[in-house]
């Protein structure tokens, strides 16, 4: 199962802010610390603020801080909500031609069940569980296709 780039950035943002709970961190600082382009982080911060996972203060001394609600979010639930892809595989070509096997395909439903099992495995894991240690190792940002 491959995470979307947006889900990845949201999780990295929450993990970073969870490890720096007593600090306000600017979007630019988040981007630098997690090694992700600023505009991707800005979009993630907005989404997480709308979900009440972050408290965002504007202005010269502003920044983002993770909320208690954000710390208590289920990782599986959050990933499920943020992943806007309908299917794990594309059943339509780039030219818009549907797969000839689509009518009797059992792979799509099996992959949907597998994706749900993946998320279900992460349902009991909270964002707070991911921030118990403050490892500063940077993972490479995935390429967006």
C-alpha atoms as a PDB file:
ATOM      1  CA  UNK A   1       0.000   0.000   0.000  1.00  0.00           C
ATOM      2  CA  UNK A   2       1.445   3.339  -1.024  1.00  0.00           C
ATOM      3  CA  UNK A   3       0.436   6.516   0.789  1.00  0.00           C
ATOM      4  CA  UNK A   4      -0.552   9.558  -1.175  1.00  0.00           C
ATOM      5  CA  UNK A   5       1.904  12.426  -0.915  1.00  0.00           C
ATOM      6  CA  UNK A   6      -0.745  14.517   0.874  1.00  0.00           C
ATOM      7  CA  UNK A   7      -1.369  11.883   3.564  1.00  0.00           C
ATOM      8  CA  UNK A   8       2.393  11.548   4.011  1.00  0.00           C
ATOM      9  CA  UNK A   9       2.858  15.305   4.518  1.00  0.00           C
ATOM     10  CA  UNK A  10      -0.067  15.472   6.968  1.00  0.00           C
ATOM     11  CA  UNK A  11       1.349  12.628   9.049  1.00  0.00           C
ATOM     12  CA  UNK A  12       4.868  14.090   9.037  1.00  0.00           C
ATOM     13  CA  UNK A  13       3.468  17.470  10.108  1.00  0.00           C
ATOM     14  CA  UNK A  14       1.541  15.918  12.991  1.00  0.00           C
ATOM     15  CA  UNK A  15       4.527  13.843  14.067  1.00  0.00           C
ATOM     16  CA  UNK A  16       6.831  16.856  14.067  1.00  0.00           C
ATOM     17  CA  UNK A  17       4.405  19.074  15.963  1.00  0.00           C
ATOM     18  CA  UNK A  18       3.637  16.231  18.347  1.00  0.00           C
ATOM     19  CA  UNK A  19       7.316  15.985  19.214  1.00  0.00           C
ATOM     20  CA  UNK A  20       7.459  19.773  19.798  1.00  0.00           C
ATOM     21  CA  UNK A  21       4.192  20.165  21.704  1.00  0.00           C
ATOM     22  CA  UNK A  22       5.267  23.192  23.700  1.00  0.00           C
ATOM     23  CA  UNK A  23       6.344  25.219  20.668  1.00  0.00           C
ATOM     24  CA  UNK A  24       4.655  27.108  17.876  1.00  0.00           C
ATOM     25  CA  UNK A  25       6.273  26.165  14.593  1.00  0.00           C
ATOM     26  CA  UNK A  26       5.831  28.130  11.380  1.00  0.00           C
ATOM     27  CA  UNK A  27       4.830  26.428   8.171  1.00  0.00           C
ATOM     28  CA  UNK A  28       8.202  27.318   6.677  1.00  0.00           C
ATOM     29  CA  UNK A  29      10.008  25.729   9.648  1.00  0.00           C
ATOM     30  CA  UNK A  30       7.869  22.603   9.331  1.00  0.00           C
ATOM     31  CA  UNK A  31       8.718  22.381   5.634  1.00  0.00           C
ATOM     32  CA  UNK A  32      12.431  22.711   6.358  1.00  0.00           C
ATOM     33  CA  UNK A  33      12.414  20.214   9.214  1.00  0.00           C
ATOM     34  CA  UNK A  34      10.507  17.482   7.390  1.00  0.00           C
ATOM     35  CA  UNK A  35      12.121  18.106   4.012  1.00  0.00           C
ATOM     36  CA  UNK A  36       8.938  18.849   2.087  1.00  0.00           C
ATOM     37  CA  UNK A  37       8.114  21.811  -0.188  1.00  0.00           C
ATOM     38  CA  UNK A  38       6.470  24.754   1.594  1.00  0.00           C
ATOM     39  CA  UNK A  39       3.308  24.750  -0.520  1.00  0.00           C
ATOM     40  CA  UNK A  40       2.632  21.078   0.305  1.00  0.00           C
ATOM     41  CA  UNK A  41       3.007  21.785   4.016  1.00  0.00           C
ATOM     42  CA  UNK A  42       0.786  24.877   3.796  1.00  0.00           C
ATOM     43  CA  UNK A  43      -1.992  22.767   2.278  1.00  0.00           C
ATOM     44  CA  UNK A  44      -1.550  20.102   4.970  1.00  0.00           C
ATOM     45  CA  UNK A  45      -1.584  22.678   7.793  1.00  0.00           C
ATOM     46  CA  UNK A  46      -4.827  24.151   6.457  1.00  0.00           C
ATOM     47  CA  UNK A  47      -6.466  20.733   6.248  1.00  0.00           C
ATOM     48  CA  UNK A  48      -5.272  19.730   9.726  1.00  0.00           C
ATOM     49  CA  UNK A  49      -6.466  23.038  11.169  1.00  0.00           C
ATOM     50  CA  UNK A  50      -9.888  22.451   9.615  1.00  0.00           C
ATOM     51  CA  UNK A  51      -9.928  19.038  11.313  1.00  0.00           C
ATOM     52  CA  UNK A  52      -9.060  20.689  14.659  1.00  0.00           C
ATOM     53  CA  UNK A  53      -5.791  18.741  14.823  1.00  0.00           C
ATOM     54  CA  UNK A  54      -3.782  21.964  14.821  1.00  0.00           C
ATOM     55  CA  UNK A  55      -4.175  25.374  16.354  1.00  0.00           C
ATOM     56  CA  UNK A  56      -2.804  28.008  14.014  1.00  0.00           C
ATOM     57  CA  UNK A  57      -1.901  31.546  15.057  1.00  0.00           C
ATOM     58  CA  UNK A  58      -1.221  34.119  12.388  1.00  0.00           C
ATOM     59  CA  UNK A  59       1.152  37.022  12.553  1.00  0.00           C
ATOM     60  CA  UNK A  60       4.705  37.761  13.479  1.00  0.00           C
ATOM     61  CA  UNK A  61       4.797  35.407  16.459  1.00  0.00           C
ATOM     62  CA  UNK A  62       2.419  32.897  14.941  1.00  0.00           C
ATOM     63  CA  UNK A  63       2.774  29.294  14.043  1.00  0.00           C
ATOM     64  CA  UNK A  64       1.101  25.932  14.444  1.00  0.00           C
ATOM     65  CA  UNK A  65       0.744  23.719  17.487  1.00  0.00           C
ATOM     66  CA  UNK A  66      -0.810  20.310  17.718  1.00  0.00           C
ATOM     67  CA  UNK A  67      -4.016  20.145  19.756  1.00  0.00           C
ATOM     68  CA  UNK A  68      -5.047  17.481  22.231  1.00  0.00           C
ATOM     69  CA  UNK A  69      -7.669  16.446  19.666  1.00  0.00           C
ATOM     70  CA  UNK A  70      -4.873  16.073  17.093  1.00  0.00           C
ATOM     71  CA  UNK A  71      -2.854  13.878  19.437  1.00  0.00           C
ATOM     72  CA  UNK A  72      -5.872  11.615  19.979  1.00  0.00           C
ATOM     73  CA  UNK A  73      -6.664  11.104  16.295  1.00  0.00           C
ATOM     74  CA  UNK A  74      -6.587   7.535  15.062  1.00  0.00           C
ATOM     75  CA  UNK A  75      -3.858   7.175  12.442  1.00  0.00           C
ATOM     76  CA  UNK A  76      -5.947   4.711  10.430  1.00  0.00           C
ATOM     77  CA  UNK A  77      -9.040   6.899  10.615  1.00  0.00           C
ATOM     78  CA  UNK A  78      -7.126   9.997   9.596  1.00  0.00           C
ATOM     79  CA  UNK A  79      -5.440   8.226   6.693  1.00  0.00           C
ATOM     80  CA  UNK A  80      -8.772   6.809   5.544  1.00  0.00           C
ATOM     81  CA  UNK A  81     -10.350  10.283   5.649  1.00  0.00           C
ATOM     82  CA  UNK A  82      -7.472  12.025   3.895  1.00  0.00           C
ATOM     83  CA  UNK A  83      -7.027   9.477   1.107  1.00  0.00           C
ATOM     84  CA  UNK A  84      -9.343  10.681  -1.624  1.00  0.00           C
ATOM     85  CA  UNK A  85      -8.460   7.963  -4.119  1.00  0.00           C
ATOM     86  CA  UNK A  86     -11.421   5.778  -5.072  1.00  0.00           C
ATOM     87  CA  UNK A  87      -9.477   2.701  -6.032  1.00  0.00           C
ATOM     88  CA  UNK A  88      -6.037   1.294  -5.402  1.00  0.00           C
ATOM     89  CA  UNK A  89      -5.638   0.660  -9.129  1.00  0.00           C
ATOM     90  CA  UNK A  90      -6.766   2.671 -12.136  1.00  0.00           C
ATOM     91  CA  UNK A  91      -9.221   0.675 -14.190  1.00  0.00           C
ATOM     92  CA  UNK A  92      -9.248   3.255 -16.965  1.00  0.00           C
ATOM     93  CA  UNK A  93      -6.379   3.992 -19.312  1.00  0.00           C
ATOM     94  CA  UNK A  94      -4.930   7.478 -19.740  1.00  0.00           C
ATOM     95  CA  UNK A  95      -6.979   7.705 -22.941  1.00  0.00           C
ATOM     96  CA  UNK A  96     -10.163   7.060 -20.921  1.00  0.00           C
ATOM     97  CA  UNK A  97     -10.686   3.491 -22.121  1.00  0.00           C
ATOM     98  CA  UNK A  98     -11.968   1.187 -19.362  1.00  0.00           C
ATOM     99  CA  UNK A  99     -10.246  -2.107 -18.711  1.00  0.00           C
ATOM    100  CA  UNK A 100     -11.883  -4.889 -20.763  1.00  0.00           C
ATOM    101  CA  UNK A 101     -11.957  -7.097 -17.647  1.00  0.00           C
ATOM    102  CA  UNK A 102     -13.838  -4.534 -15.557  1.00  0.00           C
ATOM    103  CA  UNK A 103     -17.273  -6.153 -15.768  1.00  0.00           C
ATOM    104  CA  UNK A 104     -16.184  -9.361 -14.040  1.00  0.00           C
ATOM    105  CA  UNK A 105     -13.127  -8.124 -12.157  1.00  0.00           C
ATOM    106  CA  UNK A 106     -12.650  -9.427  -8.639  1.00  0.00           C
ATOM    107  CA  UNK A 107      -9.291  -7.758  -8.146  1.00  0.00           C
ATOM    108  CA  UNK A 108     -10.765  -4.287  -7.439  1.00  0.00           C
ATOM    109  CA  UNK A 109     -12.931  -5.496  -4.577  1.00  0.00           C
ATOM    110  CA  UNK A 110     -10.068  -7.599  -3.161  1.00  0.00           C
ATOM    111  CA  UNK A 111      -7.773  -4.567  -3.255  1.00  0.00           C
ATOM    112  CA  UNK A 112     -10.427  -2.410  -1.562  1.00  0.00           C
ATOM    113  CA  UNK A 113     -10.691  -4.989   1.233  1.00  0.00           C
ATOM    114  CA  UNK A 114      -6.898  -5.096   1.523  1.00  0.00           C
ATOM    115  CA  UNK A 115      -6.737  -1.289   1.756  1.00  0.00           C
ATOM    116  CA  UNK A 116      -9.397  -1.304   4.463  1.00  0.00           C
ATOM    117  CA  UNK A 117      -7.467  -4.014   6.355  1.00  0.00           C
ATOM    118  CA  UNK A 118      -4.360  -1.793   6.103  1.00  0.00           C
ATOM    119  CA  UNK A 119      -6.241   1.157   7.608  1.00  0.00           C
ATOM    120  CA  UNK A 120      -7.933  -1.069  10.214  1.00  0.00           C
ATOM    121  CA  UNK A 121      -4.502  -2.211  11.408  1.00  0.00           C
ATOM    122  CA  UNK A 122      -3.665   1.450  12.078  1.00  0.00           C
ATOM    123  CA  UNK A 123      -7.012   2.361  13.687  1.00  0.00           C
ATOM    124  CA  UNK A 124      -5.812   1.650  17.223  1.00  0.00           C
ATOM    125  CA  UNK A 125      -2.634   3.701  16.733  1.00  0.00           C
ATOM    126  CA  UNK A 126      -2.971   7.338  17.833  1.00  0.00           C
ATOM    127  CA  UNK A 127      -0.959  10.287  16.570  1.00  0.00           C
ATOM    128  CA  UNK A 128       0.379  10.612  20.137  1.00  0.00           C
ATOM    129  CA  UNK A 129       1.835   7.096  19.779  1.00  0.00           C
ATOM    130  CA  UNK A 130       3.888   8.280  16.814  1.00  0.00           C
ATOM    131  CA  UNK A 131       5.382  11.194  18.711  1.00  0.00           C
ATOM    132  CA  UNK A 132       6.682   9.448  21.813  1.00  0.00           C
ATOM    133  CA  UNK A 133      10.251   9.712  20.554  1.00  0.00           C
ATOM    134  CA  UNK A 134      11.688  12.726  18.828  1.00  0.00           C
ATOM    135  CA  UNK A 135      13.764  11.132  16.106  1.00  0.00           C
ATOM    136  CA  UNK A 136      14.983  13.797  13.699  1.00  0.00           C
ATOM    137  CA  UNK A 137      15.802  11.512  10.769  1.00  0.00           C
ATOM    138  CA  UNK A 138      14.409  12.878   7.521  1.00  0.00           C
ATOM    139  CA  UNK A 139      12.707  10.561   5.105  1.00  0.00           C
ATOM    140  CA  UNK A 140      12.727  11.484   1.424  1.00  0.00           C
ATOM    141  CA  UNK A 141       9.592  13.182   0.148  1.00  0.00           C
ATOM    142  CA  UNK A 142       7.793  10.877  -2.306  1.00  0.00           C
ATOM    143  CA  UNK A 143       7.566  11.934  -5.895  1.00  0.00           C
ATOM    144  CA  UNK A 144       4.064  12.904  -6.984  1.00  0.00           C
ATOM    145  CA  UNK A 145       3.017  11.344 -10.264  1.00  0.00           C
END
